[in-house]
Amino acid sequence: MSKGYHRELKKLSQTKNIISLLPERFRFRVAKKLYDYESESVVGIDIVAPLQDDGVVCFINTKDLIGWKIFFFGEYEGETNRILAKHIKKGDVVIEAGANMGSETLLLSGLVGDGHVYAFEPNPYTFDRLKINVSINELRNVSIYEWALGEKNGEISFNIFPKTFCNPGMSSKYIQMDNTRKIDVIQKTIDSFVQENNVKKVDFIKMDIQGGEMDAILGANDTIAKFMPTIFAEASTHFSQLNELYDKIKGYGYDIYLIGGNDMELMATVSNIKAGNWLAIKNK
């Protein structure tokens, strides 16, 4: 291995040791100061790191925001993970739109047990890492697909960031920037996938697809109407018309909550909606 690799590994180790001595509220800021994944001086290395201390490991790159957080803190989005753990049970069937490199796919696999996870990721770079993470953890209850999920079947133009970008998983149909390039990817609807693969039930749909949430919902009309799965969606004003997304999900018969910390705030009407992570649960 090169001297550069060893220097970077030493810097990572020193940073992790330092922040372990600090109060939790200071750790993120100090870690980013000492090992800034956005800095040009940080090269980033591929490494296998433990995920949440539960025997699962994750193949990461330390210059990637997700990998950086896993290396230093053992997880990417703790708030999301707690919500998933609360609302997904053994035997559930989960559709994950936007699996990225698989940090939450691994969690979902453990939660569903003898259920199943269908994970979709159209970015070739992050899909390759997703494939590695499913393989090294020997997951038998996860199926992965290098497809986008959307409102119709076919081939679409998809914008991807370079793999050296600090969060290449942000790639999207709708985010076009100076450092993105277009590729053609296959898009499927959830309805067609469920029918073609004889999926008997869907208990949970998780979407983090950078503005494609409404498209995925439009392509899942029959699945949602039939199974009424709990829906987790990232709702951002940067990518989505929140009123339209809210009305569409609400129209199926859901209560929609904004997730914050350990709390869930019911957004009872369109006037109450806020951007953030939404959880839609069939109303009683």
C-alpha atoms as a PDB file:
ATOM      1  CA  MET A   1       0.000   0.000   0.000  1.00  0.00           C
ATOM      2  CA  SER A   2       1.175   3.546  -0.739  1.00  0.00           C
ATOM      3  CA  LYS A   3       2.588   5.996   1.783  1.00  0.00           C
ATOM      4  CA  GLY A   4      -0.382   8.243   1.026  1.00  0.00           C
ATOM      5  CA  TYR A   5      -2.791   5.509   2.064  1.00  0.00           C
ATOM      6  CA  HIS A   6      -0.973   5.001   5.364  1.00  0.00           C
ATOM      7  CA  ARG A   7      -0.855   8.763   6.043  1.00  0.00           C
ATOM      8  CA  GLU A   8      -4.584   9.029   5.450  1.00  0.00           C
ATOM      9  CA  LEU A   9      -5.318   5.991   7.607  1.00  0.00           C
ATOM     10  CA  LYS A  10      -3.186   7.462  10.404  1.00  0.00           C
ATOM     11  CA  LYS A  11      -5.069  10.768  10.162  1.00  0.00           C
ATOM     12  CA  LEU A  12      -8.380   8.946  10.347  1.00  0.00           C
ATOM     13  CA  SER A  13      -7.288   6.945  13.377  1.00  0.00           C
ATOM     14  CA  GLN A  14      -5.947  10.003  15.201  1.00  0.00           C
ATOM     15  CA  THR A  15      -9.145  11.959  14.516  1.00  0.00           C
ATOM     16  CA  LYS A  16     -11.329   9.114  15.757  1.00  0.00           C
ATOM     17  CA  ASN A  17      -9.273   8.807  18.945  1.00  0.00           C
ATOM     18  CA  ILE A  18      -9.500  12.549  19.612  1.00  0.00           C
ATOM     19  CA  ILE A  19     -13.257  12.848  19.134  1.00  0.00           C
ATOM     20  CA  SER A  20     -13.861   9.783  21.332  1.00  0.00           C
ATOM     21  CA  LEU A  21     -12.591  11.888  24.246  1.00  0.00           C
ATOM     22  CA  LEU A  22     -14.981  14.766  23.558  1.00  0.00           C
ATOM     23  CA  PRO A  23     -18.578  15.390  24.652  1.00  0.00           C
ATOM     24  CA  GLU A  24     -20.969  14.170  21.952  1.00  0.00           C
ATOM     25  CA  ARG A  25     -22.120  17.678  21.006  1.00  0.00           C
ATOM     26  CA  PHE A  26     -18.614  18.635  19.843  1.00  0.00           C
ATOM     27  CA  ARG A  27     -17.666  15.481  17.951  1.00  0.00           C
ATOM     28  CA  PHE A  28     -19.079  16.243  14.503  1.00  0.00           C
ATOM     29  CA  ARG A  29     -17.572  19.715  14.300  1.00  0.00           C
ATOM     30  CA  VAL A  30     -14.147  18.614  15.527  1.00  0.00           C
ATOM     31  CA  ALA A  31     -14.087  15.559  13.238  1.00  0.00           C
ATOM     32  CA  LYS A  32     -14.846  17.737  10.218  1.00  0.00           C
ATOM     33  CA  LYS A  33     -12.170  20.218  11.268  1.00  0.00           C
ATOM     34  CA  LEU A  34      -9.509  17.514  11.592  1.00  0.00           C
ATOM     35  CA  TYR A  35     -10.601  15.356   8.641  1.00  0.00           C
ATOM     36  CA  ASP A  36     -12.729  17.432   6.275  1.00  0.00           C
ATOM     37  CA  TYR A  37     -14.244  15.227   3.588  1.00  0.00           C
ATOM     38  CA  GLU A  38     -14.886  18.332   1.443  1.00  0.00           C
ATOM     39  CA  SER A  39     -11.235  19.454   1.492  1.00  0.00           C
ATOM     40  CA  GLU A  40      -9.048  18.941  -1.573  1.00  0.00           C
ATOM     41  CA  SER A  41      -6.247  17.850   0.766  1.00  0.00           C
ATOM     42  CA  VAL A  42      -8.295  14.806   1.801  1.00  0.00           C
ATOM     43  CA  VAL A  43      -7.980  11.994  -0.728  1.00  0.00           C
ATOM     44  CA  GLY A  44     -10.297   9.474   0.930  1.00  0.00           C
ATOM     45  CA  ILE A  45      -9.700   5.748   1.219  1.00  0.00           C
ATOM     46  CA  ASP A  46     -11.826   2.663   0.721  1.00  0.00           C
ATOM     47  CA  ILE A  47     -12.235   0.742   3.955  1.00  0.00           C
ATOM     48  CA  VAL A  48     -14.645  -1.683   5.633  1.00  0.00           C
ATOM     49  CA  ALA A  49     -16.105  -0.179   8.804  1.00  0.00           C
ATOM     50  CA  PRO A  50     -18.532  -1.523  11.433  1.00  0.00           C
ATOM     51  CA  LEU A  51     -22.087  -0.273  11.185  1.00  0.00           C
ATOM     52  CA  GLN A  52     -23.914   0.390  14.477  1.00  0.00           C
ATOM     53  CA  ASP A  53     -21.882  -2.202  16.397  1.00  0.00           C
ATOM     54  CA  ASP A  54     -24.299  -5.026  15.510  1.00  0.00           C
ATOM     55  CA  GLY A  55     -21.988  -7.273  13.530  1.00  0.00           C
ATOM     56  CA  VAL A  56     -22.787  -5.620  10.194  1.00  0.00           C
ATOM     57  CA  VAL A  57     -19.985  -4.004   8.205  1.00  0.00           C
ATOM     58  CA  CYS A  58     -20.048  -1.438   5.431  1.00  0.00           C
ATOM     59  CA  PHE A  59     -17.639  -0.880   2.546  1.00  0.00           C
ATOM     60  CA  ILE A  60     -17.167   2.892   2.467  1.00  0.00           C
ATOM     61  CA  ASN A  61     -14.977   5.672   1.170  1.00  0.00           C
ATOM     62  CA  THR A  62     -13.973   8.186   3.828  1.00  0.00           C
ATOM     63  CA  LYS A  63     -14.314  11.171   1.479  1.00  0.00           C
ATOM     64  CA  ASP A  64     -17.967  10.336   0.896  1.00  0.00           C
ATOM     65  CA  LEU A  65     -20.234  12.037   3.468  1.00  0.00           C
ATOM     66  CA  ILE A  66     -22.043   8.777   4.205  1.00  0.00           C
ATOM     67  CA  GLY A  67     -18.804   6.838   4.584  1.00  0.00           C
ATOM     68  CA  TRP A  68     -17.287   9.617   6.679  1.00  0.00           C
ATOM     69  CA  LYS A  69     -20.190   9.544   9.138  1.00  0.00           C
ATOM     70  CA  ILE A  70     -20.176   5.756   9.334  1.00  0.00           C
ATOM     71  CA  PHE A  71     -16.429   5.667  10.025  1.00  0.00           C
ATOM     72  CA  PHE A  72     -16.567   8.248  12.810  1.00  0.00           C
ATOM     73  CA  PHE A  73     -20.056   7.703  14.255  1.00  0.00           C
ATOM     74  CA  GLY A  74     -21.169   4.211  13.220  1.00  0.00           C
ATOM     75  CA  GLU A  75     -24.219   5.347  11.231  1.00  0.00           C
ATOM     76  CA  TYR A  76     -25.302   7.853   8.617  1.00  0.00           C
ATOM     77  CA  GLU A  77     -28.721   9.161   9.686  1.00  0.00           C
ATOM     78  CA  GLY A  78     -29.546   8.088  13.224  1.00  0.00           C
ATOM     79  CA  GLU A  79     -32.956   9.765  13.183  1.00  0.00           C
ATOM     80  CA  THR A  80     -33.985   7.860  10.065  1.00  0.00           C
ATOM     81  CA  ASN A  81     -32.650   4.608  11.482  1.00  0.00           C
ATOM     82  CA  ARG A  82     -34.711   4.976  14.666  1.00  0.00           C
ATOM     83  CA  ILE A  83     -37.888   5.596  12.667  1.00  0.00           C
ATOM     84  CA  LEU A  84     -37.233   2.573  10.476  1.00  0.00           C
ATOM     85  CA  ALA A  85     -36.579   0.385  13.507  1.00  0.00           C
ATOM     86  CA  LYS A  86     -39.836   1.531  15.090  1.00  0.00           C
ATOM     87  CA  HIS A  87     -42.076   0.972  12.086  1.00  0.00           C
ATOM     88  CA  ILE A  88     -40.587  -2.059  10.316  1.00  0.00           C
ATOM     89  CA  LYS A  89     -41.054  -5.528  11.773  1.00  0.00           C
ATOM     90  CA  LYS A  90     -39.953  -9.077  11.092  1.00  0.00           C
ATOM     91  CA  GLY A  91     -41.558 -10.519   7.982  1.00  0.00           C
ATOM     92  CA  ASP A  92     -42.142  -7.143   6.308  1.00  0.00           C
ATOM     93  CA  VAL A  93     -41.541  -6.542   2.621  1.00  0.00           C
ATOM     94  CA  VAL A  94     -39.789  -3.230   1.948  1.00  0.00           C
ATOM     95  CA  ILE A  95     -39.198  -1.324  -1.277  1.00  0.00           C
ATOM     96  CA  GLU A  96     -36.227   1.024  -0.989  1.00  0.00           C
ATOM     97  CA  ALA A  97     -36.001   3.682  -3.697  1.00  0.00           C
ATOM     98  CA  GLY A  98     -32.574   5.293  -3.712  1.00  0.00           C
ATOM     99  CA  ALA A  99     -30.534   2.726  -1.791  1.00  0.00           C
ATOM    100  CA  ASN A 100     -27.260   4.572  -2.430  1.00  0.00           C
ATOM    101  CA  MET A 101     -24.312   2.444  -1.253  1.00  0.00           C
ATOM    102  CA  GLY A 102     -26.502   0.415   1.085  1.00  0.00           C
ATOM    103  CA  SER A 103     -25.992   1.788   4.593  1.00  0.00           C
ATOM    104  CA  GLU A 104     -29.749   1.714   5.262  1.00  0.00           C
ATOM    105  CA  THR A 105     -30.304  -1.381   3.125  1.00  0.00           C
ATOM    106  CA  LEU A 106     -28.163  -3.261   5.643  1.00  0.00           C
ATOM    107  CA  LEU A 107     -30.315  -1.959   8.482  1.00  0.00           C
ATOM    108  CA  LEU A 108     -33.521  -2.863   6.647  1.00  0.00           C
ATOM    109  CA  SER A 109     -32.247  -6.399   6.075  1.00  0.00           C
ATOM    110  CA  GLY A 110     -31.802  -6.900   9.805  1.00  0.00           C
ATOM    111  CA  LEU A 111     -35.208  -5.433  10.607  1.00  0.00           C
ATOM    112  CA  VAL A 112     -37.265  -7.555   8.196  1.00  0.00           C
ATOM    113  CA  GLY A 113     -35.646 -10.894   9.130  1.00  0.00           C
ATOM    114  CA  ASP A 114     -37.478 -13.499   7.058  1.00  0.00           C
ATOM    115  CA  GLY A 115     -39.149 -10.720   5.070  1.00  0.00           C
ATOM    116  CA  HIS A 116     -37.525  -9.126   2.049  1.00  0.00           C
ATOM    117  CA  VAL A 117     -35.952  -5.863   0.878  1.00  0.00           C
ATOM    118  CA  TYR A 118     -36.084  -4.784  -2.763  1.00  0.00           C
ATOM    119  CA  ALA A 119     -33.462  -2.060  -3.154  1.00  0.00           C
ATOM    120  CA  PHE A 120     -33.104   0.202  -6.207  1.00  0.00           C
ATOM    121  CA  GLU A 121     -30.118   2.398  -7.088  1.00  0.00           C
ATOM    122  CA  PRO A 122     -29.525   3.708 -10.645  1.00  0.00           C
ATOM    123  CA  ASN A 123     -26.133   5.395 -10.112  1.00  0.00           C
ATOM    124  CA  PRO A 124     -23.526   2.871 -11.377  1.00  0.00           C
ATOM    125  CA  TYR A 125     -20.851   3.905  -8.858  1.00  0.00           C
ATOM    126  CA  THR A 126     -23.066   3.704  -5.787  1.00  0.00           C
ATOM    127  CA  PHE A 127     -24.792   0.579  -7.110  1.00  0.00           C
ATOM    128  CA  ASP A 128     -21.429  -1.201  -7.270  1.00  0.00           C
ATOM    129  CA  ARG A 129     -20.867  -0.344  -3.610  1.00  0.00           C
ATOM    130  CA  LEU A 130     -24.386  -1.464  -2.729  1.00  0.00           C
ATOM    131  CA  LYS A 131     -23.641  -4.801  -4.414  1.00  0.00           C
ATOM    132  CA  ILE A 132     -20.417  -5.172  -2.418  1.00  0.00           C
ATOM    133  CA  ASN A 133     -22.162  -4.398   0.879  1.00  0.00           C
ATOM    134  CA  VAL A 134     -24.922  -6.922   0.249  1.00  0.00           C
ATOM    135  CA  SER A 135     -22.281  -9.503  -0.693  1.00  0.00           C
ATOM    136  CA  ILE A 136     -19.822  -9.053   2.189  1.00  0.00           C
ATOM    137  CA  ASN A 137     -22.653  -9.277   4.709  1.00  0.00           C
ATOM    138  CA  GLU A 138     -24.050 -12.359   2.927  1.00  0.00           C
ATOM    139  CA  LEU A 139     -27.579 -10.989   2.884  1.00  0.00           C
ATOM    140  CA  ARG A 140     -30.123 -13.471   1.600  1.00  0.00           C
ATOM    141  CA  ASN A 141     -33.194 -11.313   2.082  1.00  0.00           C
ATOM    142  CA  VAL A 142     -32.133  -8.409  -0.169  1.00  0.00           C
ATOM    143  CA  SER A 143     -32.564  -8.111  -3.940  1.00  0.00           C
ATOM    144  CA  ILE A 144     -30.887  -5.184  -5.682  1.00  0.00           C
ATOM    145  CA  TYR A 145     -31.641  -3.501  -9.020  1.00  0.00           C
ATOM    146  CA  GLU A 146     -29.696  -0.899 -10.979  1.00  0.00           C
ATOM    147  CA  TRP A 147     -32.886   0.948 -11.884  1.00  0.00           C
ATOM    148  CA  ALA A 148     -34.667   4.171 -11.038  1.00  0.00           C
ATOM    149  CA  LEU A 149     -38.242   4.063  -9.781  1.00  0.00           C
ATOM    150  CA  GLY A 150     -40.662   6.524 -11.319  1.00  0.00           C
ATOM    151  CA  GLU A 151     -43.953   7.276 -12.998  1.00  0.00           C
ATOM    152  CA  LYS A 152     -43.467   5.143 -16.125  1.00  0.00           C
ATOM    153  CA  ASN A 153     -41.399   2.312 -17.560  1.00  0.00           C
ATOM    154  CA  GLY A 154     -38.625   3.093 -20.001  1.00  0.00           C
ATOM    155  CA  GLU A 155     -35.237   4.715 -20.305  1.00  0.00           C
ATOM    156  CA  ILE A 156     -34.629   8.114 -18.738  1.00  0.00           C
ATOM    157  CA  SER A 157     -31.839  10.672 -18.617  1.00  0.00           C
ATOM    158  CA  PHE A 158     -30.212  10.709 -15.192  1.00  0.00           C
ATOM    159  CA  ASN A 159     -27.738  13.212 -13.726  1.00  0.00           C
ATOM    160  CA  ILE A 160     -24.842  11.757 -11.747  1.00  0.00           C
ATOM    161  CA  PHE A 161     -22.097  13.408  -9.738  1.00  0.00           C
ATOM    162  CA  PRO A 162     -18.478  12.260 -10.093  1.00  0.00           C
ATOM    163  CA  LYS A 163     -17.424   9.589  -7.631  1.00  0.00           C
ATOM    164  CA  THR A 164     -14.991  12.104  -6.081  1.00  0.00           C
ATOM    165  CA  PHE A 165     -17.948  14.313  -5.055  1.00  0.00           C
ATOM    166  CA  CYS A 166     -18.582  14.312  -1.310  1.00  0.00           C
ATOM    167  CA  ASN A 167     -22.059  12.800  -1.737  1.00  0.00           C
ATOM    168  CA  PRO A 168     -22.359  11.049  -5.125  1.00  0.00           C
ATOM    169  CA  GLY A 169     -25.611   9.437  -3.996  1.00  0.00           C
ATOM    170  CA  MET A 170     -27.366  12.792  -4.512  1.00  0.00           C
ATOM    171  CA  SER A 171     -27.595  11.944  -8.212  1.00  0.00           C
ATOM    172  CA  SER A 172     -31.067  12.530  -9.597  1.00  0.00           C
ATOM    173  CA  LYS A 173     -33.340  13.010 -12.571  1.00  0.00           C
ATOM    174  CA  TYR A 174     -33.713  16.629 -11.572  1.00  0.00           C
ATOM    175  CA  ILE A 175     -30.424  17.883 -10.109  1.00  0.00           C
ATOM    176  CA  GLN A 176     -28.273  19.247 -12.912  1.00  0.00           C
ATOM    177  CA  MET A 177     -25.104  21.125 -11.965  1.00  0.00           C
ATOM    178  CA  ASP A 178     -21.750  22.030 -13.482  1.00  0.00           C
ATOM    179  CA  ASN A 179     -20.167  18.866 -12.116  1.00  0.00           C
ATOM    180  CA  THR A 180     -22.911  16.414 -13.101  1.00  0.00           C
ATOM    181  CA  ARG A 181     -23.111  14.412 -16.306  1.00  0.00           C
ATOM    182  CA  LYS A 182     -26.036  12.664 -17.932  1.00  0.00           C
ATOM    183  CA  ILE A 183     -26.374   8.927 -18.377  1.00  0.00           C
ATOM    184  CA  ASP A 184     -29.263   6.781 -19.565  1.00  0.00           C
ATOM    185  CA  VAL A 185     -30.794   4.460 -16.979  1.00  0.00           C
ATOM    186  CA  ILE A 186     -33.738   2.094 -16.849  1.00  0.00           C
ATOM    187  CA  GLN A 187     -36.774   3.316 -14.943  1.00  0.00           C
ATOM    188  CA  LYS A 188     -39.535   1.065 -13.654  1.00  0.00           C
ATOM    189  CA  THR A 189     -42.787   1.770 -11.891  1.00  0.00           C
ATOM    190  CA  ILE A 190     -43.356   0.140  -8.528  1.00  0.00           C
ATOM    191  CA  ASP A 191     -46.644  -1.217  -9.836  1.00  0.00           C
ATOM    192  CA  SER A 192     -45.026  -3.008 -12.776  1.00  0.00           C
ATOM    193  CA  PHE A 193     -42.201  -4.347 -10.613  1.00  0.00           C
ATOM    194  CA  VAL A 194     -44.628  -5.736  -8.027  1.00  0.00           C
ATOM    195  CA  GLN A 195     -46.764  -7.374 -10.717  1.00  0.00           C
ATOM    196  CA  GLU A 196     -43.880  -8.778 -12.780  1.00  0.00           C
ATOM    197  CA  ASN A 197     -42.121 -10.237  -9.737  1.00  0.00           C
ATOM    198  CA  ASN A 198     -45.282 -11.552  -8.087  1.00  0.00           C
ATOM    199  CA  VAL A 199     -44.622  -9.592  -4.897  1.00  0.00           C
ATOM    200  CA  LYS A 200     -47.384 -10.748  -2.548  1.00  0.00           C
ATOM    201  CA  LYS A 201     -47.379  -7.722  -0.253  1.00  0.00           C
ATOM    202  CA  VAL A 202     -45.612  -4.410   0.363  1.00  0.00           C
ATOM    203  CA  ASP A 203     -45.470  -3.182   3.949  1.00  0.00           C
ATOM    204  CA  PHE A 204     -43.104  -0.236   3.685  1.00  0.00           C
ATOM    205  CA  ILE A 205     -41.819   2.067   0.935  1.00  0.00           C
ATOM    206  CA  LYS A 206     -38.718   4.152   1.665  1.00  0.00           C
ATOM    207  CA  MET A 207     -37.834   6.931  -0.764  1.00  0.00           C
ATOM    208  CA  ASP A 208     -34.814   9.209  -0.801  1.00  0.00           C
ATOM    209  CA  ILE A 209     -34.556  10.057  -4.478  1.00  0.00           C
ATOM    210  CA  GLN A 210     -33.797  13.767  -4.672  1.00  0.00           C
ATOM    211  CA  GLY A 211     -37.073  15.093  -6.011  1.00  0.00           C
ATOM    212  CA  GLY A 212     -38.324  11.900  -7.648  1.00  0.00           C
ATOM    213  CA  GLU A 213     -40.678  11.090  -4.763  1.00  0.00           C
ATOM    214  CA  MET A 214     -43.841  12.251  -6.548  1.00  0.00           C
ATOM    215  CA  ASP A 215     -42.842  10.303  -9.662  1.00  0.00           C
ATOM    216  CA  ALA A 216     -42.382   7.118  -7.630  1.00  0.00           C
ATOM    217  CA  ILE A 217     -45.767   7.637  -5.946  1.00  0.00           C
ATOM    218  CA  LEU A 218     -47.463   8.107  -9.326  1.00  0.00           C
ATOM    219  CA  GLY A 219     -45.970   4.811 -10.455  1.00  0.00           C
ATOM    220  CA  ALA A 220     -47.170   3.018  -7.337  1.00  0.00           C
ATOM    221  CA  ASN A 221     -50.872   3.856  -7.458  1.00  0.00           C
ATOM    222  CA  ASP A 222     -52.136   0.251  -7.532  1.00  0.00           C
ATOM    223  CA  THR A 223     -49.572  -0.981  -4.978  1.00  0.00           C
ATOM    224  CA  ILE A 224     -50.448   1.752  -2.494  1.00  0.00           C
ATOM    225  CA  ALA A 225     -54.187   1.327  -2.952  1.00  0.00           C
ATOM    226  CA  LYS A 226     -53.946  -2.442  -2.476  1.00  0.00           C
ATOM    227  CA  PHE A 227     -51.436  -2.766   0.369  1.00  0.00           C
ATOM    228  CA  MET A 228     -51.453   0.681   2.069  1.00  0.00           C
ATOM    229  CA  PRO A 229     -47.764   0.432   3.016  1.00  0.00           C
ATOM    230  CA  THR A 230     -46.212   2.885   5.429  1.00  0.00           C
ATOM    231  CA  ILE A 231     -44.324   5.460   3.345  1.00  0.00           C
ATOM    232  CA  PHE A 232     -41.116   7.229   4.299  1.00  0.00           C
ATOM    233  CA  ALA A 233     -40.235  10.107   1.967  1.00  0.00           C
ATOM    234  CA  GLU A 234     -37.737  12.930   1.883  1.00  0.00           C
ATOM    235  CA  ALA A 235     -39.715  16.078   1.099  1.00  0.00           C
ATOM    236  CA  SER A 236     -37.537  19.016   0.093  1.00  0.00           C
ATOM    237  CA  THR A 237     -38.568  22.380  -1.308  1.00  0.00           C
ATOM    238  CA  HIS A 238     -35.416  22.258  -3.437  1.00  0.00           C
ATOM    239  CA  PHE A 239     -36.823  19.375  -5.481  1.00  0.00           C
ATOM    240  CA  SER A 240     -40.535  18.922  -4.839  1.00  0.00           C
ATOM    241  CA  GLN A 241     -43.834  20.764  -4.840  1.00  0.00           C
ATOM    242  CA  LEU A 242     -44.685  19.896  -1.252  1.00  0.00           C
ATOM    243  CA  ASN A 243     -48.380  20.733  -1.530  1.00  0.00           C
ATOM    244  CA  GLU A 244     -48.821  18.346  -4.456  1.00  0.00           C
ATOM    245  CA  LEU A 245     -46.859  15.565  -2.760  1.00  0.00           C
ATOM    246  CA  TYR A 246     -48.824  16.015   0.460  1.00  0.00           C
ATOM    247  CA  ASP A 247     -52.215  16.025  -1.309  1.00  0.00           C
ATOM    248  CA  LYS A 248     -51.345  12.946  -3.349  1.00  0.00           C
ATOM    249  CA  ILE A 249     -50.269  10.856  -0.353  1.00  0.00           C
ATOM    250  CA  LYS A 250     -53.069  12.180   1.858  1.00  0.00           C
ATOM    251  CA  GLY A 251     -55.592  11.250  -0.831  1.00  0.00           C
ATOM    252  CA  TYR A 252     -54.847   7.554  -0.408  1.00  0.00           C
ATOM    253  CA  GLY A 253     -56.012   7.712   3.226  1.00  0.00           C
ATOM    254  CA  TYR A 254     -52.840   8.479   5.161  1.00  0.00           C
ATOM    255  CA  ASP A 255     -51.906  10.584   8.147  1.00  0.00           C
ATOM    256  CA  ILE A 256     -48.617  12.330   7.378  1.00  0.00           C
ATOM    257  CA  TYR A 257     -46.057  13.140  10.057  1.00  0.00           C
ATOM    258  CA  LEU A 258     -42.939  15.275  10.052  1.00  0.00           C
ATOM    259  CA  ILE A 259     -40.066  13.426  11.709  1.00  0.00           C
ATOM    260  CA  GLY A 260     -37.814  15.419  13.997  1.00  0.00           C
ATOM    261  CA  GLY A 261     -35.452  13.953  16.566  1.00  0.00           C
ATOM    262  CA  ASN A 262     -37.499  11.422  18.509  1.00  0.00           C
ATOM    263  CA  ASP A 263     -40.754  13.243  17.765  1.00  0.00           C
ATOM    264  CA  MET A 264     -43.410  12.898  15.083  1.00  0.00           C
ATOM    265  CA  GLU A 265     -45.508  15.974  14.319  1.00  0.00           C
ATOM    266  CA  LEU A 266     -48.839  15.359  12.626  1.00  0.00           C
ATOM    267  CA  MET A 267     -49.336  17.613   9.609  1.00  0.00           C
ATOM    268  CA  ALA A 268     -53.122  17.557   9.680  1.00  0.00           C
ATOM    269  CA  THR A 269     -53.737  19.902   6.740  1.00  0.00           C
ATOM    270  CA  VAL A 270     -51.803  21.315   3.821  1.00  0.00           C
ATOM    271  CA  SER A 271     -51.324  24.534   5.788  1.00  0.00           C
ATOM    272  CA  ASN A 272     -49.300  22.591   8.382  1.00  0.00           C
ATOM    273  CA  ILE A 273     -46.779  21.024   6.046  1.00  0.00           C
ATOM    274  CA  LYS A 274     -43.048  21.503   6.416  1.00  0.00           C
ATOM    275  CA  ALA A 275     -40.063  20.242   4.451  1.00  0.00           C
ATOM    276  CA  GLY A 276     -38.144  17.338   5.934  1.00  0.00           C
ATOM    277  CA  ASN A 277     -38.542  13.606   6.358  1.00  0.00           C
ATOM    278  CA  TRP A 278     -42.170  12.527   6.182  1.00  0.00           C
ATOM    279  CA  LEU A 279     -43.755   9.361   7.461  1.00  0.00           C
ATOM    280  CA  ALA A 280     -47.183   8.467   6.080  1.00  0.00           C
ATOM    281  CA  ILE A 281     -49.235   5.942   8.055  1.00  0.00           C
ATOM    282  CA  LYS A 282     -52.633   4.583   7.074  1.00  0.00           C
ATOM    283  CA  ASN A 283     -55.239   6.474   9.057  1.00  0.00           C
ATOM    284  CA  LYS A 284     -57.565   4.547  11.313  1.00  0.00           C
END
